């Protein structure tokens, strides 16, 4: 079974760098994942670049 791609993101709350795994077969996505360190909810946005590689952005729920 192939391994899911991963991305390192910085938690917008505690600043720790955490690794998230991305299901790149699902296309573009928006979802919430709790920080593995401080447990606060992070909004994750996944977009695919022109080569089909996932680009991951992380935001706090109260960020504009």
Protein backbone atom coordinates (compact mmCIF):
# COMPACT_ATOMS: atom_id res chain seq x y z
CA UNK A 1 0.00 0.00 0.00
CA UNK A 2 1.50 3.39 -0.97
CA UNK A 3 2.27 5.83 1.81
CA UNK A 4 0.31 9.09 2.05
CA UNK A 5 2.30 12.27 1.42
CA UNK A 6 3.06 14.35 4.49
CA UNK A 7 3.51 18.05 5.12
CA UNK A 8 5.08 19.91 8.03
CA UNK A 9 2.93 22.79 9.25
CA UNK A 10 3.30 25.27 12.10
CA UNK A 11 0.47 25.35 14.61
CA UNK A 12 -1.03 28.86 14.55
CA UNK A 13 -1.65 28.62 18.32
CA UNK A 14 1.44 27.12 19.97
CA UNK A 15 3.96 27.51 17.11
CA UNK A 16 5.09 23.88 17.16
CA UNK A 17 5.86 22.24 13.82
CA UNK A 18 3.71 19.16 13.33
CA UNK A 19 3.42 16.65 10.51
CA UNK A 20 0.07 16.04 8.83
CA UNK A 21 -0.67 13.33 6.28
CA UNK A 22 -2.58 14.30 3.15
CA UNK A 23 -4.91 12.05 1.17
CA UNK A 24 -3.89 13.40 -2.24
CA UNK A 25 -6.41 11.12 -4.00
CA UNK A 26 -9.24 13.24 -2.53
CA UNK A 27 -8.26 16.38 -4.48
CA UNK A 28 -8.62 19.83 -2.91
CA UNK A 29 -9.82 19.76 0.69
CA UNK A 30 -10.68 21.92 3.67
CA UNK A 31 -10.90 20.24 7.07
CA UNK A 32 -10.08 20.68 10.76
CA UNK A 33 -7.40 18.71 12.55
CA UNK A 34 -6.41 19.13 16.18
CA UNK A 35 -2.83 20.12 16.96
CA UNK A 36 -0.89 17.12 18.24
CA UNK A 37 0.78 19.34 20.87
CA UNK A 38 -1.79 21.85 22.22
CA UNK A 39 -4.98 20.10 20.95
CA UNK A 40 -6.49 23.28 19.47
CA UNK A 41 -8.37 22.99 16.16
CA UNK A 42 -6.38 23.95 13.05
CA UNK A 43 -8.08 24.67 9.73
CA UNK A 44 -6.19 22.74 7.07
CA UNK A 45 -6.48 23.70 3.41
CA UNK A 46 -5.06 21.39 0.75
CA UNK A 47 -4.68 22.54 -2.84
CA UNK A 48 -2.96 20.70 -5.68
CA UNK A 49 -0.29 22.46 -7.77
CA UNK A 50 0.00 22.02 -11.54
CA UNK A 51 2.01 18.81 -11.02
CA UNK A 52 -0.66 17.35 -8.73
CA UNK A 53 1.47 17.78 -5.60
CA UNK A 54 -0.43 18.87 -2.48
CA UNK A 55 0.19 22.31 -0.99
CA UNK A 56 -0.95 22.58 2.64
CA UNK A 57 -1.88 25.74 4.55
CA UNK A 58 -2.77 25.92 8.25
CA UNK A 59 -4.83 28.62 9.98
CA UNK A 60 -6.35 29.15 13.36
CA UNK A 61 -10.13 29.18 13.52
CA UNK A 62 -10.17 32.85 14.50
CA UNK A 63 -7.79 33.98 11.69
CA UNK A 64 -9.38 36.14 9.02
